[in-house]
């Protein structure tokens, strides 16, 4: 008999979130769990061809083999590049004087 264990698959958008708990066989990969969960049917705006996945906030490859209790997270694309935002803040801050008093 094949060992089975429980994992979760999570997807969150600003307006809606879902976590699906499912039982998988030993050797199940992250992408297989996503497919078995059916969660992508709930989030039609997620591009299933370019999924970015993680387990508990750590990025993983879709082929990563899961362990009991793992939560596979489906990440949505960033709305803004963090490096570009930091650069813009730094540029805006160059015009400000330090100390605040004259």
N, C-alpha and C. Protein backbone atom coordinates (compact mmCIF):
# COMPACT_ATOMS: atom_id res chain seq x y z
N UNK A 1 0.83 -1.18 0.00
CA UNK A 1 0.00 0.00 0.00
C UNK A 1 0.88 1.25 0.00
N UNK A 2 0.51 2.23 -0.80
CA UNK A 2 1.29 3.45 -0.93
C UNK A 2 1.02 4.39 0.25
N UNK A 3 2.09 4.94 0.80
CA UNK A 3 1.95 5.91 1.88
C UNK A 3 1.26 7.15 1.36
N UNK A 4 0.31 7.68 2.15
CA UNK A 4 -0.41 8.91 1.79
C UNK A 4 -0.31 9.88 2.95
N UNK A 5 -0.33 11.16 2.63
CA UNK A 5 -0.30 12.19 3.67
C UNK A 5 -1.03 13.43 3.18
N UNK A 6 -1.27 14.35 4.10
CA UNK A 6 -2.04 15.55 3.80
C UNK A 6 -1.13 16.74 3.52
N UNK A 7 -1.47 17.49 2.50
CA UNK A 7 -0.81 18.76 2.18
C UNK A 7 -1.91 19.79 1.90
N UNK A 8 -1.52 21.03 1.80
CA UNK A 8 -2.45 22.10 1.44
C UNK A 8 -1.93 22.81 0.21
N UNK A 9 -2.87 23.35 -0.58
CA UNK A 9 -2.52 24.19 -1.71
C UNK A 9 -3.25 25.51 -1.49
N UNK A 10 -2.52 26.62 -1.55
CA UNK A 10 -3.10 27.93 -1.27
C UNK A 10 -2.89 28.89 -2.43
N UNK A 11 -3.90 29.71 -2.66
CA UNK A 11 -3.81 30.77 -3.66
C UNK A 11 -4.53 31.98 -3.09
N UNK A 12 -3.94 33.15 -3.25
CA UNK A 12 -4.55 34.36 -2.70
C UNK A 12 -4.42 35.51 -3.69
N UNK A 13 -5.52 36.16 -3.92
CA UNK A 13 -5.57 37.40 -4.69
C UNK A 13 -6.06 38.48 -3.74
N UNK A 14 -5.90 39.74 -4.07
CA UNK A 14 -6.33 40.78 -3.13
C UNK A 14 -7.79 40.64 -2.68
N UNK A 15 -8.65 40.19 -3.57
CA UNK A 15 -10.07 40.13 -3.25
C UNK A 15 -10.55 38.75 -2.79
N UNK A 16 -9.72 37.71 -2.93
CA UNK A 16 -10.18 36.36 -2.60
C UNK A 16 -9.00 35.43 -2.33
N UNK A 17 -9.17 34.53 -1.35
CA UNK A 17 -8.15 33.55 -1.02
C UNK A 17 -8.81 32.17 -0.89
N UNK A 18 -8.01 31.14 -1.09
CA UNK A 18 -8.51 29.78 -0.92
C UNK A 18 -7.36 28.87 -0.52
N UNK A 19 -7.66 27.96 0.40
CA UNK A 19 -6.71 26.92 0.79
C UNK A 19 -7.45 25.59 0.67
N UNK A 20 -6.86 24.68 -0.09
CA UNK A 20 -7.46 23.36 -0.30
C UNK A 20 -6.56 22.33 0.37
N UNK A 21 -7.15 21.52 1.23
CA UNK A 21 -6.42 20.44 1.88
C UNK A 21 -6.70 19.16 1.10
N UNK A 22 -5.65 18.38 0.82
CA UNK A 22 -5.85 17.14 0.09
C UNK A 22 -4.85 16.09 0.52
N UNK A 23 -5.21 14.85 0.27
CA UNK A 23 -4.34 13.74 0.58
C UNK A 23 -3.64 13.32 -0.70
N UNK A 24 -2.32 13.17 -0.61
CA UNK A 24 -1.51 12.81 -1.79
C UNK A 24 -0.66 11.60 -1.47
N UNK A 25 -0.19 10.95 -2.51
CA UNK A 25 0.70 9.79 -2.35
C UNK A 25 2.14 10.27 -2.17
N UNK A 26 2.92 9.47 -1.47
CA UNK A 26 4.34 9.77 -1.32
C UNK A 26 4.96 9.92 -2.70
N UNK A 27 5.82 10.91 -2.85
CA UNK A 27 6.45 11.18 -4.14
C UNK A 27 5.73 12.23 -4.96
N UNK A 28 4.59 12.71 -4.46
CA UNK A 28 3.82 13.74 -5.17
C UNK A 28 4.62 15.04 -5.24
N UNK A 29 4.61 15.67 -6.40
CA UNK A 29 5.31 16.95 -6.58
C UNK A 29 4.37 18.11 -6.33
N UNK A 30 4.94 19.28 -6.20
CA UNK A 30 4.15 20.49 -5.96
C UNK A 30 3.15 20.74 -7.09
N UNK A 31 3.59 20.61 -8.34
CA UNK A 31 2.70 20.86 -9.47
C UNK A 31 1.59 19.82 -9.53
N UNK A 32 1.90 18.57 -9.17
CA UNK A 32 0.86 17.53 -9.14
C UNK A 32 -0.19 17.85 -8.08
N UNK A 33 0.24 18.34 -6.93
CA UNK A 33 -0.70 18.70 -5.87
C UNK A 33 -1.60 19.85 -6.32
N UNK A 34 -1.01 20.85 -7.00
CA UNK A 34 -1.81 21.97 -7.52
C UNK A 34 -2.86 21.43 -8.48
N UNK A 35 -2.47 20.56 -9.37
CA UNK A 35 -3.40 20.01 -10.35
C UNK A 35 -4.48 19.18 -9.67
N UNK A 36 -4.11 18.35 -8.70
CA UNK A 36 -5.07 17.50 -8.00
C UNK A 36 -6.05 18.32 -7.15
N UNK A 37 -5.60 19.46 -6.64
CA UNK A 37 -6.44 20.27 -5.76
C UNK A 37 -7.61 20.92 -6.48
N UNK A 38 -7.46 21.17 -7.80
CA UNK A 38 -8.51 21.85 -8.55
C UNK A 38 -8.60 23.34 -8.25
N UNK A 39 -7.65 23.87 -7.53
CA UNK A 39 -7.71 25.27 -7.10
C UNK A 39 -7.63 26.25 -8.27
N UNK A 40 -6.95 25.86 -9.35
CA UNK A 40 -6.81 26.78 -10.48
C UNK A 40 -8.15 27.07 -11.15
N UNK A 41 -9.11 26.17 -11.02
CA UNK A 41 -10.45 26.41 -11.57
C UNK A 41 -11.14 27.56 -10.85
N UNK A 42 -10.76 27.80 -9.60
CA UNK A 42 -11.34 28.89 -8.81
C UNK A 42 -10.69 30.24 -9.15
N UNK A 43 -9.50 30.20 -9.74
CA UNK A 43 -8.74 31.42 -10.02
C UNK A 43 -8.36 31.44 -11.49
N UNK A 44 -9.33 31.71 -12.33
CA UNK A 44 -9.10 31.67 -13.78
C UNK A 44 -8.08 32.71 -14.25
N UNK A 45 -7.86 33.76 -13.45
CA UNK A 45 -6.91 34.80 -13.85
C UNK A 45 -5.45 34.41 -13.60
N UNK A 46 -5.22 33.28 -12.91
CA UNK A 46 -3.86 32.80 -12.67
C UNK A 46 -3.39 32.05 -13.91
N UNK A 47 -2.22 32.41 -14.41
CA UNK A 47 -1.67 31.79 -15.61
C UNK A 47 -1.07 30.43 -15.24
N UNK A 48 -1.78 29.36 -15.54
CA UNK A 48 -1.33 28.02 -15.14
C UNK A 48 -0.07 27.57 -15.89
N UNK A 49 0.29 28.26 -16.97
CA UNK A 49 1.50 27.91 -17.72
C UNK A 49 2.76 28.50 -17.12
N UNK A 50 2.61 29.51 -16.27
CA UNK A 50 3.77 30.20 -15.68
C UNK A 50 3.62 30.31 -14.16
N UNK A 51 3.31 29.21 -13.51
CA UNK A 51 3.10 29.24 -12.07
C UNK A 51 4.41 29.45 -11.32
N UNK A 52 4.36 30.32 -10.34
CA UNK A 52 5.45 30.51 -9.39
C UNK A 52 4.95 29.91 -8.09
N UNK A 53 5.69 28.94 -7.55
CA UNK A 53 5.25 28.21 -6.38
C UNK A 53 6.22 28.35 -5.23
N UNK A 54 5.71 28.11 -4.03
CA UNK A 54 6.54 28.12 -2.84
C UNK A 54 5.95 27.20 -1.79
N UNK A 55 6.76 26.88 -0.80
CA UNK A 55 6.29 26.15 0.38
C UNK A 55 6.64 27.01 1.57
N UNK A 56 5.61 27.45 2.29
CA UNK A 56 5.77 28.31 3.45
C UNK A 56 6.72 29.48 3.15
N UNK A 57 6.42 30.22 2.09
CA UNK A 57 7.11 31.45 1.69
C UNK A 57 8.50 31.24 1.10
N UNK A 58 8.88 30.02 0.83
CA UNK A 58 10.18 29.76 0.21
C UNK A 58 9.93 29.26 -1.21
N UNK A 59 10.48 29.96 -2.21
CA UNK A 59 10.28 29.59 -3.61
C UNK A 59 10.80 28.19 -3.89
N UNK A 60 10.03 27.45 -4.69
CA UNK A 60 10.41 26.10 -5.05
C UNK A 60 10.17 25.88 -6.55
N UNK A 61 10.72 24.80 -7.06
CA UNK A 61 10.45 24.39 -8.44
C UNK A 61 9.19 23.54 -8.44
N UNK A 62 8.44 23.55 -9.52
CA UNK A 62 7.22 22.74 -9.58
C UNK A 62 7.47 21.25 -9.35
N UNK A 63 8.67 20.78 -9.64
CA UNK A 63 9.00 19.35 -9.50
C UNK A 63 9.40 18.97 -8.08
N UNK A 64 9.38 19.91 -7.15
CA UNK A 64 9.76 19.63 -5.77
C UNK A 64 8.84 18.58 -5.17
N UNK A 65 9.41 17.54 -4.58
CA UNK A 65 8.62 16.48 -3.94
C UNK A 65 8.16 16.98 -2.57
N UNK A 66 6.88 16.76 -2.30
CA UNK A 66 6.27 17.26 -1.07
C UNK A 66 6.46 16.31 0.10
N UNK A 67 6.34 16.90 1.30
CA UNK A 67 6.37 16.13 2.55
C UNK A 67 5.07 16.38 3.30
N UNK A 68 4.76 15.52 4.23
CA UNK A 68 3.53 15.65 5.01
C UNK A 68 3.48 17.04 5.66
N UNK A 69 2.34 17.69 5.55
CA UNK A 69 2.12 18.99 6.19
C UNK A 69 2.56 20.18 5.36
N UNK A 70 3.16 19.98 4.20
CA UNK A 70 3.58 21.11 3.35
C UNK A 70 2.37 21.91 2.89
N UNK A 71 2.55 23.20 2.73
CA UNK A 71 1.53 24.06 2.12
C UNK A 71 2.14 24.66 0.85
N UNK A 72 1.63 24.24 -0.29
CA UNK A 72 2.10 24.76 -1.57
C UNK A 72 1.38 26.08 -1.82
N UNK A 73 2.14 27.14 -2.04
CA UNK A 73 1.56 28.46 -2.28
C UNK A 73 1.75 28.84 -3.73
N UNK A 74 0.69 29.33 -4.34
CA UNK A 74 0.73 29.81 -5.71
C UNK A 74 0.91 31.32 -5.64
N UNK A 75 2.01 31.82 -6.18
CA UNK A 75 2.31 33.24 -6.11
C UNK A 75 1.81 33.96 -7.34
N UNK A 76 1.22 35.13 -7.14
CA UNK A 76 0.79 35.95 -8.26
C UNK A 76 1.94 36.88 -8.65
N UNK A 77 1.92 37.39 -9.88
CA UNK A 77 2.99 38.30 -10.30
C UNK A 77 3.00 39.58 -9.45
N UNK A 78 4.18 40.12 -9.26
CA UNK A 78 4.30 41.38 -8.53
C UNK A 78 3.71 42.51 -9.36
N UNK A 79 3.06 43.46 -8.70
CA UNK A 79 2.50 44.61 -9.42
C UNK A 79 3.56 45.64 -9.74
N UNK A 80 4.61 45.67 -8.92
CA UNK A 80 5.71 46.62 -9.15
C UNK A 80 7.02 45.93 -8.82
N UNK A 81 8.06 46.24 -9.56
CA UNK A 81 9.37 45.68 -9.32
C UNK A 81 9.95 46.30 -8.05
N UNK A 82 10.24 45.50 -7.02
CA UNK A 82 10.75 46.06 -5.76
C UNK A 82 12.02 46.89 -5.93
N UNK A 83 12.90 46.49 -6.84
CA UNK A 83 14.12 47.27 -7.06
C UNK A 83 13.79 48.64 -7.64
N UNK A 84 12.85 48.70 -8.56
CA UNK A 84 12.47 49.98 -9.16
C UNK A 84 11.82 50.89 -8.11
N UNK A 85 11.01 50.32 -7.23
CA UNK A 85 10.36 51.11 -6.18
C UNK A 85 11.41 51.68 -5.24
N UNK A 86 12.40 50.88 -4.83
CA UNK A 86 13.47 51.38 -3.94
C UNK A 86 14.26 52.48 -4.62
N UNK A 87 14.53 52.29 -5.91
CA UNK A 87 15.28 53.30 -6.66
C UNK A 87 14.51 54.63 -6.70
N UNK A 88 13.20 54.55 -6.93
CA UNK A 88 12.38 55.75 -6.98
C UNK A 88 12.36 56.45 -5.62
N UNK A 89 12.27 55.68 -4.54
CA UNK A 89 12.28 56.27 -3.20
C UNK A 89 13.61 56.95 -2.92
N UNK A 90 14.70 56.30 -3.33
CA UNK A 90 16.02 56.88 -3.11
C UNK A 90 16.17 58.19 -3.88
N UNK A 91 15.71 58.20 -5.13
CA UNK A 91 15.79 59.43 -5.94
C UNK A 91 14.96 60.55 -5.31
N UNK A 92 13.78 60.21 -4.82
CA UNK A 92 12.91 61.22 -4.20
C UNK A 92 13.54 61.74 -2.91
N UNK A 93 14.26 60.88 -2.20
CA UNK A 93 14.88 61.28 -0.93
C UNK A 93 16.12 62.14 -1.11
N UNK A 94 16.74 62.15 -2.27
CA UNK A 94 17.96 62.94 -2.47
C UNK A 94 17.70 64.43 -2.37
N UNK A 95 16.50 64.86 -2.72
CA UNK A 95 16.16 66.27 -2.67
C UNK A 95 15.84 66.77 -1.28
N UNK A 96 15.62 65.85 -0.34
CA UNK A 96 15.28 66.25 1.02
C UNK A 96 16.53 66.57 1.81
N UNK A 97 16.45 67.58 2.67
CA UNK A 97 17.61 67.90 3.51
C UNK A 97 17.56 67.07 4.77
N UNK A 98 18.73 66.77 5.31
CA UNK A 98 18.80 66.01 6.55
C UNK A 98 18.74 66.97 7.73
N UNK A 99 18.16 66.54 8.81
CA UNK A 99 18.10 67.38 10.01
C UNK A 99 16.81 68.16 10.11
N UNK A 100 16.20 68.52 9.04
CA UNK A 100 14.90 69.17 9.03
C UNK A 100 14.89 70.63 9.45
N UNK A 101 15.93 71.20 10.03
CA UNK A 101 15.91 72.60 10.47
C UNK A 101 16.83 73.47 9.65
N UNK A 102 16.51 74.76 9.56
CA UNK A 102 17.39 75.67 8.83
C UNK A 102 17.90 76.75 9.72
